[in-house]
Structure formats: C-alpha cells, structure tokens
C-alpha cells in the first residue's frame, strides 16, 4: 500500500507536500519488530502481560530506520535520517489506530463485536459469551489470557491489543469465518486509542473498584475512561449492558443513552438472578428477563460469577440469541484458566489458583473460599512492583479478615524492592492472623501446601494463568499451577 494512501486517512492532511511516495509493507509501533518497508509509528509501549515498557518510541526512530523503516509518523519534534520521510501528527496513537484499520482493510466490520469493560470479570464474561453464542454461531474472543478463533487458542500479550496487532487478529477472525467476537476492553485500551473507530454491537459493564491507579492516578480518571466506552456506544446507538448493583452503575447506564439493559440481583435489574443456591460444585439460580424466565445450573461458583453470567445473558438476549440457547450455553462446563481453578492431585484439602490481584477481587474470592470450608483458609499473595501502592494495605486487610494463615510473597516485583512492597501490605495488617513472609514464590507455595491440613482450602492468588515472574528486567518462567501440582506430587504437562 502506498504511503500517500495511508496518510490520506489522517485528519488535517499532514502529508501535504510529501516529497516522493513509496510502498509500505506494514505498520509497526515496536522498533524491534520493524521489517524493511514498514511504516514506523513511535508510541509509549505499555504491555500488561509481558511487563515490557517503552516510555517513548520516538527515542528509537534511528534504530527503526536502521532496521528498514521506510517512513515515520510522529507527534514530536524529531530529526529524521536523510531520505526518510516523516509526517507530523497531533497524536501518534490516534494515527496508529486509523492507519492500522485502513491497512488491514477494516476487518472489524465483518465481525459483530461484543465489548466487556470493568475492573473484574472481563475474562470470565467473554468465555461465558463464547459458550452461549457458539451454540449457533462461529465465535472468537480476545483478552487477557489469549485470543481464540473458533475454539483455537493463540498467544496474546495485551488485554486490549495495540491497533496493528488487533486488526491483524480481526483479519484472522474474518478469514476463519467468525461471526462474533467478544473483546475485553481495558481502561488502557480506551485511553490509548486502541478501540478508536470500532463499531461494537453491545458493551457490558461488569463493575468498578480501585485498580491501575499507577496509570490513571485517580479513581475519577479511571471511571471516566471506562465511561468513554459507553459514550461511544451511545453515539452508535448500541446496547449498553450495565451491572445496576454496582455503586457507579447508574452513571454507566446514563452514559449508554437510550439502549440500556441492566442486570443484577436487586429488584430493579431488568435481567435478575434470584433463589441462589451454591455448593463447591455448582451454582443454581433463577433468571428473570424481559424475554422470559428460566433456571440456571452453572459450574461457575461464586456470586461474582453470577454477575458475570447475567451480563453475558443480557448481551446475548439483545443480540437475538434464544432463551434455550442462552440456558444451554450458560450451563456448559466453562473453564477459565487461573480463575478459581481447583487443583486436584488426590489430596485431602483444596488448592485453588486465582488471578485476584485487587482488593475487590480478593474479597470476592476469599468470601467464596470461606463459604466452602469449615476448616482453615490459607492465603498466599503478593502485590506487583512499580504499580499502584495504594491497594497494597487494602489487600492486606482483606486477606487478614478472611484468612487463618497468610503467606506474603513475590508477585512480579519488577524493579521495586520486595521489602518495600511487603512493608506496604503490612500497613494494612492488625497482627491478628499468623503471617509468614517468603520472598521466593515457589518456596512460598511449597510452604502453603505443606501447612495444609485435611479440609483446609489453600488460595494461591495474584498470578492465575501467568507463566512468568518478572524480577528486575528479567521475565523468568514460573506458573502457580505447575508449581503447586509439583508440590502435590504430580507434574502437570
């Protein structure tokens, strides 16, 4: 594709007076992935899974050109090597979104997009949507764990991928014949213009609680960023599916405009759960909707998973999925890696791996754990380094309130002192529950399992599905699930 065709998609005609056109073989924001003929768009790279950050891609323009970049789109005063055209724009991220969509031929327009935003529950909700919609439709999803096309899993590094990665994924979904795509819409993804220009069929708001304040600085900015997604839905006259039991649910309902459907357990919710009964294996309840009522017998336990299921049900109903298909899909044995995942090696106590890494998600998981055993709850957790320190003492308080033994350990300390991180957690402890600090996470897991007695429940929190531990600038192989199974006497392949 010609450079002139690409920059014609940008507002303000930034390429006016461009001296010489050239063929562009691809668009890239990562200087290390540049190939000859690529258009380089420098941005600040922030990835939640690889934990690799690049504060300013403009500092790597020379390196990108050295690898073969044919032109550069930039939003700062820079000096380019001779013979390499540079096009100045107001915002590189906004430009990247427009350019990627056009370069890949707008593949998103062939998909019916279902967006899920909120602090917790996004991943589980997309998997419930997959279970429901795949009853009668081809279905894909993208999010924190991976992206999946018609049931086939592919690796991914961002909850909401950068535009070039995202539109490449959309193209793969289109070529595979997918009809629907459920997409986790993170606050980073919204703020960084990764979802600009996408036409969503429906958007789901799960809940809001403190998270990512290292990036957003205030809860107001965090909330308002997510509200922008619902304002986008209103502009497109699409459905906004809102958890009306959440304290800010009313704000999201207003932002969504006229097409709003609420869900929850309160009497005012349009899609409502009642008569909840739960044990360690199943969760039963009745669902009341404007389309009709029906019972659900779900394998996803915990009240928070009732909310996740209700949100998915509400979205499916607005898309014309029948009640029978909704019920069958919601009752499938849905496995979400690292989300309250039981590990069974024949032991006489329970071991659960969960991704919970915020005060709210920890409380949800610990409440559920407390309800499932009459014996002790042993909680292992840590807090990420170089991230929001405000939530650390809050997580300590939650752990102490529901646990009988606490084991504090590392959870991606990155370049921050582990002693400092644990010191912040200790600020929330009253000293009423035995607490052990073990820096090495594998040793901490072994200690937790070694302490367990018959009937106890051991919670390994924070890493869930993750397969690495980031210490300093190194990403080292590590997985809670494999570590725990090894301690239990079975190596899982």
Protein backbone atom coordinates (compact mmCIF):
# COMPACT_ATOMS: atom_id res chain seq x y z
CA UNK A 1 0.00 0.00 0.00
CA UNK A 2 1.29 3.45 -0.87
CA UNK A 3 2.31 5.84 1.89
CA UNK A 4 0.16 8.56 0.30
CA UNK A 5 -2.95 6.37 0.57
CA UNK A 6 -2.29 5.71 4.23
CA UNK A 7 -1.68 9.28 5.30
CA UNK A 8 -4.79 10.34 3.38
CA UNK A 9 -6.74 8.61 6.18
CA UNK A 10 -5.40 11.08 8.75
CA UNK A 11 -7.21 14.34 9.56
CA UNK A 12 -5.72 17.66 8.58
CA UNK A 13 -3.78 16.32 5.56
CA UNK A 14 -0.48 16.00 7.49
CA UNK A 15 1.30 14.64 4.41
CA UNK A 16 0.79 17.72 2.26
CA UNK A 17 3.98 18.45 0.40
CA UNK A 18 5.35 14.91 0.85
CA UNK A 19 8.38 14.56 -1.36
CA UNK A 20 8.17 11.21 -3.10
CA UNK A 21 5.80 8.32 -2.48
CA UNK A 22 6.78 4.80 -1.50
CA UNK A 23 5.32 1.36 -0.93
CA UNK A 24 4.57 0.46 2.70
CA UNK A 25 4.85 -3.23 3.58
CA UNK A 26 3.42 -2.99 7.09
CA UNK A 27 2.79 -0.72 10.05
CA UNK A 28 4.77 -1.16 13.25
CA UNK A 29 4.93 0.58 16.63
CA UNK A 30 7.65 -1.63 18.13
CA UNK A 31 11.13 -0.72 16.84
CA UNK A 32 12.34 -4.26 17.49
CA UNK A 33 9.75 -5.70 15.09
CA UNK A 34 10.47 -3.36 12.17
CA UNK A 35 10.99 -5.02 8.79
CA UNK A 36 12.16 -3.36 5.55
CA UNK A 37 9.47 -1.14 4.08
CA UNK A 38 7.47 -0.77 7.30
CA UNK A 39 5.91 2.48 8.44
CA UNK A 40 7.09 3.21 11.98
CA UNK A 41 4.67 4.90 14.40
CA UNK A 42 6.51 5.54 17.70
CA UNK A 43 4.36 5.40 20.83
CA UNK A 44 4.80 4.62 24.51
CA UNK A 45 4.52 0.85 24.75
CA UNK A 46 2.75 -0.43 27.86
CA UNK A 47 2.03 -4.15 27.96
CA UNK A 48 0.24 -5.72 30.90
CA UNK A 49 1.37 -9.31 30.36
CA UNK A 50 4.91 -9.19 29.03
CA UNK A 51 5.60 -6.39 31.52
CA UNK A 52 7.82 -4.71 28.92
CA UNK A 53 7.54 -0.95 28.77
CA UNK A 54 8.92 1.60 26.32
CA UNK A 55 8.26 5.11 27.67
CA UNK A 56 8.80 6.88 24.34
CA UNK A 57 9.21 5.21 20.97
CA UNK A 58 10.49 8.46 19.45
CA UNK A 59 13.84 7.71 21.10
CA UNK A 60 14.15 4.63 18.88
CA UNK A 61 13.46 6.18 15.49
CA UNK A 62 17.08 5.83 14.39
CA UNK A 63 17.05 2.16 15.41
CA UNK A 64 13.80 1.59 13.46
CA UNK A 65 15.22 3.25 10.36
CA UNK A 66 18.31 1.11 10.71
CA UNK A 67 16.10 -1.96 10.56
CA UNK A 68 14.46 -0.73 7.35
CA UNK A 69 11.64 1.63 8.28
CA UNK A 70 10.54 3.44 5.09
CA UNK A 71 8.79 6.36 6.81
CA UNK A 72 7.87 7.62 10.27
CA UNK A 73 4.62 9.03 11.67
CA UNK A 74 5.45 11.05 14.79
CA UNK A 75 3.98 13.62 17.16
CA UNK A 76 7.17 15.24 18.48
CA UNK A 77 9.96 17.40 17.13
CA UNK A 78 12.44 14.86 15.81
CA UNK A 79 15.32 14.80 13.35
CA UNK A 80 14.97 12.01 10.81
CA UNK A 81 17.80 10.41 8.84
CA UNK A 82 18.21 11.79 5.33
CA UNK A 83 15.86 10.30 2.77
CA UNK A 84 13.31 9.03 5.32
CA UNK A 85 10.03 10.98 5.18
CA UNK A 86 8.46 11.97 8.45
CA UNK A 87 4.84 13.01 8.88
CA UNK A 88 3.98 15.06 11.96
CA UNK A 89 0.58 14.37 13.55
CA UNK A 90 -1.19 15.62 16.66
CA UNK A 91 -1.34 12.22 18.36
CA UNK A 92 0.63 9.17 17.22
CA UNK A 93 -1.74 6.76 18.96
CA UNK A 94 -4.82 8.17 17.24
CA UNK A 95 -2.97 8.00 13.94
CA UNK A 96 -1.89 4.40 14.57
CA UNK A 97 -5.49 3.34 15.12
CA UNK A 98 -6.68 4.91 11.85
CA UNK A 99 -3.72 3.64 9.84
CA UNK A 100 -3.96 0.04 11.11
CA UNK A 101 -7.68 -0.20 10.36
CA UNK A 102 -7.16 1.00 6.78
CA UNK A 103 -4.04 -1.06 6.12
CA UNK A 104 -5.78 -4.31 7.09
CA UNK A 105 -8.97 -3.43 5.22
CA UNK A 106 -11.27 -2.76 8.20
CA UNK A 107 -11.75 -6.47 9.07
CA UNK A 108 -13.64 -5.50 12.23
CA UNK A 109 -16.60 -4.50 10.04
CA UNK A 110 -17.12 -8.17 9.19
CA UNK A 111 -17.47 -9.06 12.89
CA UNK A 112 -20.20 -8.37 15.41
CA UNK A 113 -18.16 -7.03 18.33
CA UNK A 114 -19.16 -7.55 21.95
CA UNK A 115 -17.09 -5.37 24.31
CA UNK A 116 -16.65 -6.07 28.01
CA UNK A 117 -15.22 -3.45 30.37
CA UNK A 118 -14.89 -3.21 34.15
CA UNK A 119 -12.30 -3.89 36.83
CA UNK A 120 -13.03 -7.57 37.37
CA UNK A 121 -14.84 -10.29 35.45
CA UNK A 122 -13.94 -9.32 31.88
CA UNK A 123 -12.16 -12.56 31.03
CA UNK A 124 -14.79 -14.83 32.55
CA UNK A 125 -17.60 -12.88 30.88
CA UNK A 126 -16.04 -13.26 27.42
CA UNK A 127 -15.76 -17.02 28.00
CA UNK A 128 -19.43 -17.23 29.03
CA UNK A 129 -20.35 -15.28 25.90
CA UNK A 130 -18.33 -17.78 23.87
CA UNK A 131 -20.19 -20.68 25.46
CA UNK A 132 -23.60 -19.11 24.72
CA UNK A 133 -23.02 -17.78 21.20
CA UNK A 134 -21.17 -20.88 19.98
CA UNK A 135 -24.42 -22.82 20.36
CA UNK A 136 -25.41 -21.49 16.95
CA UNK A 137 -22.68 -19.11 15.72
CA UNK A 138 -18.97 -19.10 14.96
CA UNK A 139 -17.28 -17.16 17.73
CA UNK A 140 -13.93 -15.65 18.64
CA UNK A 141 -12.59 -13.72 21.61
CA UNK A 142 -9.60 -11.67 22.63
CA UNK A 143 -8.41 -10.70 26.09
CA UNK A 144 -6.00 -11.15 28.96
CA UNK A 145 -5.33 -14.87 28.52
CA UNK A 146 -5.08 -15.18 24.74
CA UNK A 147 -7.12 -14.67 21.64
CA UNK A 148 -9.24 -17.54 20.41
CA UNK A 149 -10.64 -18.08 16.92
CA UNK A 150 -13.47 -20.60 16.57
CA UNK A 151 -12.09 -22.51 19.56
CA UNK A 152 -8.39 -22.39 18.56
CA UNK A 153 -6.16 -20.60 21.10
CA UNK A 154 -3.38 -18.16 20.09
CA UNK A 155 -0.93 -16.27 22.31
CA UNK A 156 -1.52 -12.59 23.05
CA UNK A 157 0.33 -10.02 25.14
CA UNK A 158 -2.26 -7.33 25.91
CA UNK A 159 -5.76 -7.41 27.35
CA UNK A 160 -6.76 -5.00 24.57
CA UNK A 161 -4.07 -5.28 21.87
CA UNK A 162 -2.43 -2.32 20.16
CA UNK A 163 -4.21 -1.40 16.88
CA UNK A 164 -1.84 -3.14 14.46
CA UNK A 165 -1.99 -6.35 16.49
CA UNK A 166 -5.73 -6.03 16.99
CA UNK A 167 -6.62 -5.53 13.32
CA UNK A 168 -4.31 -8.39 12.33
CA UNK A 169 -6.28 -10.57 14.80
CA UNK A 170 -9.58 -9.30 13.39
CA UNK A 171 -8.35 -10.21 9.89
CA UNK A 172 -7.57 -13.76 11.05
CA UNK A 173 -11.05 -13.99 12.59
CA UNK A 174 -12.67 -12.74 9.38
CA UNK A 175 -10.73 -15.20 7.23
CA UNK A 176 -11.73 -18.03 9.58
CA UNK A 177 -15.40 -17.12 9.13
CA UNK A 178 -16.12 -15.91 12.66
CA UNK A 179 -19.43 -14.08 13.06
CA UNK A 180 -18.99 -12.70 16.59
CA UNK A 181 -16.04 -11.55 18.66
CA UNK A 182 -16.08 -10.87 22.40
CA UNK A 183 -13.40 -8.39 23.32
CA UNK A 184 -12.05 -7.30 26.69
CA UNK A 185 -11.97 -3.51 26.63
CA UNK A 186 -9.45 -2.33 29.22
CA UNK A 187 -9.09 1.20 30.55
CA UNK A 188 -5.62 1.27 28.99
CA UNK A 189 -7.11 0.23 25.67
CA UNK A 190 -9.66 3.04 25.79
CA UNK A 191 -7.23 5.73 26.95
CA UNK A 192 -4.56 4.68 24.46
CA UNK A 193 -6.96 4.84 21.48
CA UNK A 194 -6.75 1.11 20.80
CA UNK A 195 -10.52 0.80 20.27
CA UNK A 196 -10.97 4.01 18.28
CA UNK A 197 -13.31 3.59 15.33
CA UNK A 198 -14.60 0.14 16.30
CA UNK A 199 -18.33 -0.46 15.94
CA UNK A 200 -19.50 -2.57 18.89
CA UNK A 201 -22.82 -4.41 18.75
CA UNK A 202 -23.04 -4.33 22.54
CA UNK A 203 -20.95 -3.26 25.55
CA UNK A 204 -21.01 -4.79 29.04
CA UNK A 205 -20.01 -3.01 32.26
CA UNK A 206 -19.13 -5.55 34.98
CA UNK A 207 -18.05 -3.46 38.00
CA UNK A 208 -15.63 -0.79 39.16
CA UNK A 209 -13.12 -0.88 42.03
CA UNK A 210 -9.61 0.57 42.55
CA UNK A 211 -7.03 -0.70 40.05
CA UNK A 212 -4.39 0.69 37.67
CA UNK A 213 -4.07 3.89 39.71
CA UNK A 214 -0.35 3.90 38.90
CA UNK A 215 -1.54 4.80 35.40
CA UNK A 216 -4.80 6.71 35.97
CA UNK A 217 -3.71 8.42 39.22
CA UNK A 218 -7.31 8.92 40.44
CA UNK A 219 -10.46 6.81 40.55
CA UNK A 220 -12.26 9.64 38.78
CA UNK A 221 -9.98 9.38 35.74
CA UNK A 222 -10.19 5.57 35.83
CA UNK A 223 -14.00 5.67 35.94
CA UNK A 224 -14.33 8.40 33.32
CA UNK A 225 -12.05 6.50 30.95
CA UNK A 226 -14.36 3.50 31.07
CA UNK A 227 -17.38 5.78 30.73
CA UNK A 228 -15.96 6.95 27.39
CA UNK A 229 -16.52 3.44 26.04
CA UNK A 230 -20.21 3.65 26.96
CA UNK A 231 -20.48 7.12 25.46
CA UNK A 232 -19.13 5.59 22.25
CA UNK A 233 -21.93 3.00 22.41
CA UNK A 234 -24.49 5.78 22.82
CA UNK A 235 -23.15 7.60 19.75
CA UNK A 236 -23.52 4.38 17.75
CA UNK A 237 -26.97 3.69 19.29
CA UNK A 238 -25.77 0.30 20.51
CA UNK A 239 -26.79 -1.64 23.60
CA UNK A 240 -25.16 -0.88 26.94
CA UNK A 241 -25.42 -3.76 29.43
CA UNK A 242 -24.92 -2.43 32.97
CA UNK A 243 -24.47 -4.00 36.40
CA UNK A 244 -27.08 -1.97 38.28
CA UNK A 245 -25.88 -3.31 41.65
CA UNK A 246 -22.52 -1.58 41.26
CA UNK A 247 -22.29 1.82 43.01
CA UNK A 248 -21.50 3.59 39.71
CA UNK A 249 -23.85 1.50 37.59
CA UNK A 250 -26.29 4.38 37.21
CA UNK A 251 -23.55 6.57 35.70
CA UNK A 252 -22.79 3.92 33.09
CA UNK A 253 -26.49 3.49 32.33
CA UNK A 254 -26.80 7.24 31.71
CA UNK A 255 -23.67 7.27 29.53
CA UNK A 256 -25.07 4.46 27.36
CA UNK A 257 -28.03 6.58 26.27
CA UNK A 258 -31.38 5.10 25.27
CA UNK A 259 -30.41 1.45 24.67
CA UNK A 260 -29.69 0.21 28.21
CA UNK A 261 -30.34 -3.17 29.80
CA UNK A 262 -29.45 -3.63 33.47
CA UNK A 263 -28.54 -6.83 35.29
CA UNK A 264 -28.02 -7.78 38.91
CA UNK A 265 -29.65 -9.34 41.95
CA UNK A 266 -31.54 -6.24 43.03
CA UNK A 267 -35.24 -5.99 42.26
CA UNK A 268 -34.73 -3.07 39.86
CA UNK A 269 -32.49 -5.06 37.46
CA UNK A 270 -34.09 -5.99 34.12
CA UNK A 271 -32.12 -9.26 34.00
CA UNK A 272 -32.14 -10.58 37.54
CA UNK A 273 -30.98 -13.63 39.49
CA UNK A 274 -32.98 -14.96 42.44
CA UNK A 275 -33.20 -18.06 44.65
CA UNK A 276 -29.42 -18.54 44.64
CA UNK A 277 -28.14 -21.88 45.94
CA UNK A 278 -24.46 -22.80 45.84
CA UNK A 279 -22.02 -25.53 46.84
CA UNK A 280 -18.46 -26.40 45.90
CA UNK A 281 -19.53 -27.90 42.57
CA UNK A 282 -22.39 -25.80 41.25
CA UNK A 283 -24.39 -22.61 41.45
CA UNK A 284 -28.17 -22.76 40.91
CA UNK A 285 -30.49 -19.79 40.50
CA UNK A 286 -33.45 -18.50 38.56
CA UNK A 287 -33.03 -15.84 35.88
CA UNK A 288 -35.80 -13.33 35.21
CA UNK A 289 -35.63 -11.36 31.93
CA UNK A 290 -37.94 -9.31 29.69
CA UNK A 291 -37.73 -12.24 27.21
CA UNK A 292 -38.84 -14.84 29.78
CA UNK A 293 -37.63 -16.65 32.89
CA UNK A 294 -35.55 -19.81 33.25
CA UNK A 295 -33.38 -21.71 35.76
CA UNK A 296 -29.58 -21.94 35.53
CA UNK A 297 -27.40 -24.73 36.89
CA UNK A 298 -23.88 -23.33 36.44
CA UNK A 299 -20.47 -24.83 37.17
CA UNK A 300 -19.11 -21.31 37.75
CA UNK A 301 -19.44 -20.87 41.50
CA UNK A 302 -19.39 -17.62 43.48
CA UNK A 303 -21.78 -14.68 43.49
CA UNK A 304 -19.36 -12.68 41.33
CA UNK A 305 -19.72 -15.34 38.64
CA UNK A 306 -23.49 -14.98 38.85
CA UNK A 307 -22.97 -11.35 37.87
CA UNK A 308 -20.60 -12.34 35.06
CA UNK A 309 -23.17 -14.82 33.76
CA UNK A 310 -26.04 -12.33 33.99
CA UNK A 311 -24.10 -9.76 31.98
CA UNK A 312 -23.39 -12.32 29.26
CA UNK A 313 -27.03 -13.47 29.25
CA UNK A 314 -28.30 -9.91 28.90
CA UNK A 315 -25.93 -9.23 25.99
CA UNK A 316 -26.93 -12.45 24.23
CA UNK A 317 -30.63 -11.70 24.54
CA UNK A 318 -30.20 -8.25 22.96
CA UNK A 319 -28.45 -9.97 20.05
CA UNK A 320 -31.40 -12.27 19.41
CA UNK A 321 -30.00 -15.45 20.95
CA UNK A 322 -32.88 -17.67 22.09
CA UNK A 323 -33.54 -18.38 25.75
CA UNK A 324 -32.91 -22.09 25.20
CA UNK A 325 -29.50 -21.42 23.61
CA UNK A 326 -28.67 -18.96 26.39
CA UNK A 327 -29.52 -21.53 29.05
CA UNK A 328 -27.60 -24.37 27.39
CA UNK A 329 -24.55 -22.19 26.86
CA UNK A 330 -24.53 -20.80 30.41
CA UNK A 331 -24.74 -24.32 31.84
CA UNK A 332 -21.68 -25.61 29.99
CA UNK A 333 -18.60 -26.62 31.94
CA UNK A 334 -16.77 -23.36 31.23
CA UNK A 335 -13.10 -23.42 32.21
CA UNK A 336 -11.29 -20.12 32.53
CA UNK A 337 -7.59 -20.74 33.30
CA UNK A 338 -6.47 -19.23 36.58
CA UNK A 339 -9.95 -18.18 37.70
CA UNK A 340 -10.86 -20.07 40.91
CA UNK A 341 -9.22 -23.11 39.39
CA UNK A 342 -9.18 -26.19 41.64
CA UNK A 343 -6.04 -28.35 41.52
CA UNK A 344 -6.74 -31.99 42.32
CA UNK A 345 -3.90 -34.45 42.85
CA UNK A 346 -5.85 -36.62 45.28
CA UNK A 347 -5.02 -34.50 48.36
CA UNK A 348 -7.44 -34.21 51.31
CA UNK A 349 -7.52 -30.40 51.16
CA UNK A 350 -8.39 -27.94 48.41
CA UNK A 351 -5.90 -25.90 46.41
CA UNK A 352 -7.20 -23.05 44.25
CA UNK A 353 -5.32 -20.79 41.83
CA UNK A 354 -6.89 -17.41 41.09
CA UNK A 355 -5.83 -14.22 39.30
CA UNK A 356 -7.34 -11.96 42.02
CA UNK A 357 -4.96 -9.01 42.37
CA UNK A 358 -7.15 -6.14 43.58
CA UNK A 359 -8.81 -5.63 46.99
CA UNK A 360 -12.26 -6.19 45.49
CA UNK A 361 -11.40 -9.35 43.56
CA UNK A 362 -9.51 -10.73 46.57
CA UNK A 363 -12.53 -10.15 48.80
CA UNK A 364 -14.84 -11.89 46.32
CA UNK A 365 -12.56 -14.92 46.13
CA UNK A 366 -11.91 -15.05 49.88
CA UNK A 367 -15.62 -14.80 50.70
CA UNK A 368 -16.26 -17.71 48.37
CA UNK A 369 -13.39 -19.73 49.88
CA UNK A 370 -14.68 -19.02 53.39
CA UNK A 371 -18.13 -20.36 52.43
CA UNK A 372 -16.69 -23.58 51.01
CA UNK A 373 -14.83 -24.89 54.05
CA UNK A 374 -15.41 -25.24 57.76
CA UNK A 375 -11.65 -25.56 58.25
CA UNK A 376 -8.85 -23.06 57.60
CA UNK A 377 -8.33 -20.74 54.66
CA UNK A 378 -4.62 -20.33 53.85
CA UNK A 379 -4.00 -17.33 51.61
CA UNK A 380 -0.83 -16.74 49.59
CA UNK A 381 -0.48 -13.45 47.73
CA UNK A 382 1.77 -10.55 46.84
CA UNK A 383 1.48 -7.22 45.04
CA UNK A 384 3.03 -6.12 41.77
CA UNK A 385 6.04 -3.81 41.84
CA UNK A 386 6.19 -0.46 40.04
CA UNK A 387 2.40 -0.35 40.24
CA UNK A 388 -0.25 1.32 42.38
CA UNK A 389 0.93 1.11 46.06
CA UNK A 390 -2.40 2.34 47.48
CA UNK A 391 -4.11 -1.01 47.13
CA UNK A 392 -1.40 -2.96 48.98
CA UNK A 393 -2.51 -2.29 52.59
CA UNK A 394 -6.12 -2.74 51.44
CA UNK A 395 -5.25 -6.20 50.15
CA UNK A 396 -3.54 -6.96 53.44
CA UNK A 397 -6.67 -6.00 55.38
CA UNK A 398 -8.88 -8.16 53.16
CA UNK A 399 -6.55 -11.16 53.47
CA UNK A 400 -6.42 -10.86 57.25
CA UNK A 401 -10.21 -10.52 57.58
CA UNK A 402 -10.97 -13.82 55.82
CA UNK A 403 -7.84 -15.96 56.31
CA UNK A 404 -6.49 -18.19 59.06
CA UNK A 405 -2.92 -18.07 57.75
CA UNK A 406 -1.34 -15.53 55.41
CA UNK A 407 1.75 -16.10 53.31
CA UNK A 408 3.15 -12.99 51.64
CA UNK A 409 5.43 -13.48 48.66
CA UNK A 410 6.57 -12.03 45.35
CA UNK A 411 4.16 -11.20 42.53
CA UNK A 412 6.11 -9.56 39.71
CA UNK A 413 8.17 -7.19 41.89
CA UNK A 414 9.84 -5.79 38.75
CA UNK A 415 12.31 -3.07 39.74
CA UNK A 416 10.79 -2.31 43.13
CA UNK A 417 12.17 -3.63 46.41
CA UNK A 418 10.18 -6.62 47.66
CA UNK A 419 10.75 -5.42 51.23
CA UNK A 420 9.09 -2.13 50.32
CA UNK A 421 6.13 -3.89 48.73
CA UNK A 422 5.63 -6.16 51.73
CA UNK A 423 6.02 -3.15 54.03
CA UNK A 424 3.05 -1.52 52.31
CA UNK A 425 1.00 -4.72 52.73
CA UNK A 426 1.94 -4.90 56.42
CA UNK A 427 0.46 -1.43 56.94
CA UNK A 428 -2.97 -2.99 56.48
CA UNK A 429 -2.42 -5.85 58.94
CA UNK A 430 -3.51 -5.75 62.58
CA UNK A 431 -1.42 -8.77 63.55
CA UNK A 432 -4.39 -10.95 64.48
CA UNK A 433 -3.67 -13.69 61.93
CA UNK A 434 -0.38 -15.64 61.66
CA UNK A 435 1.61 -14.20 58.75
CA UNK A 436 4.70 -15.58 57.03
CA UNK A 437 6.88 -13.74 54.51
CA UNK A 438 8.73 -15.87 51.95
CA UNK A 439 10.34 -13.98 49.09
CA UNK A 440 10.71 -16.88 46.66
CA UNK A 441 7.24 -17.67 45.33
CA UNK A 442 7.92 -21.35 44.63
CA UNK A 443 9.13 -21.80 48.22
CA UNK A 444 6.08 -19.90 49.45
CA UNK A 445 3.73 -22.21 47.52
CA UNK A 446 5.51 -25.26 48.93
CA UNK A 447 5.15 -23.80 52.44
CA UNK A 448 1.43 -23.10 51.96
CA UNK A 449 0.75 -26.63 50.76
CA UNK A 450 2.94 -28.10 53.48
CA UNK A 451 0.90 -26.24 56.12
CA UNK A 452 -2.45 -27.56 54.85
CA UNK A 453 -4.48 -30.00 56.94
CA UNK A 454 -7.46 -32.14 55.89
CA UNK A 455 -10.38 -29.92 54.90
CA UNK A 456 -8.34 -26.72 54.56
CA UNK A 457 -8.52 -24.52 51.47
CA UNK A 458 -5.28 -23.08 50.09
CA UNK A 459 -5.61 -19.99 47.89
CA UNK A 460 -2.76 -19.03 45.56
CA UNK A 461 -3.68 -15.52 44.47
CA UNK A 462 -2.42 -12.93 42.03
CA UNK A 463 -0.80 -14.76 39.13
CA UNK A 464 -3.55 -17.10 37.96
CA UNK A 465 -2.81 -18.05 34.34
CA UNK A 466 0.54 -16.22 34.14
CA UNK A 467 3.59 -18.24 33.16
CA UNK A 468 6.36 -15.88 34.24
CA UNK A 469 7.65 -13.93 37.21
CA UNK A 470 9.15 -10.52 36.44
CA UNK A 471 12.09 -9.66 38.70
CA UNK A 472 14.10 -6.62 37.74
CA UNK A 473 14.19 -6.57 33.95
CA UNK A 474 14.05 -10.35 33.67
CA UNK A 475 10.93 -12.37 32.88
CA UNK A 476 11.57 -15.77 34.47
CA UNK A 477 9.50 -18.91 33.80
CA UNK A 478 7.06 -19.55 36.62
CA UNK A 479 3.49 -20.85 36.92
CA UNK A 480 1.48 -21.21 40.15
CA UNK A 481 -0.47 -24.16 38.77
CA UNK A 482 2.56 -26.23 37.78
CA UNK A 483 4.42 -25.30 40.95
CA UNK A 484 1.51 -26.36 43.17
CA UNK A 485 0.93 -29.63 41.30
CA UNK A 486 4.62 -30.42 41.62
CA UNK A 487 4.39 -29.83 45.38
CA UNK A 488 1.31 -32.08 45.48
CA UNK A 489 3.30 -34.85 43.83
CA UNK A 490 2.05 -34.59 40.25
CA UNK A 491 3.77 -32.69 37.46
CA UNK A 492 1.18 -31.31 35.05
CA UNK A 493 2.08 -31.24 31.37
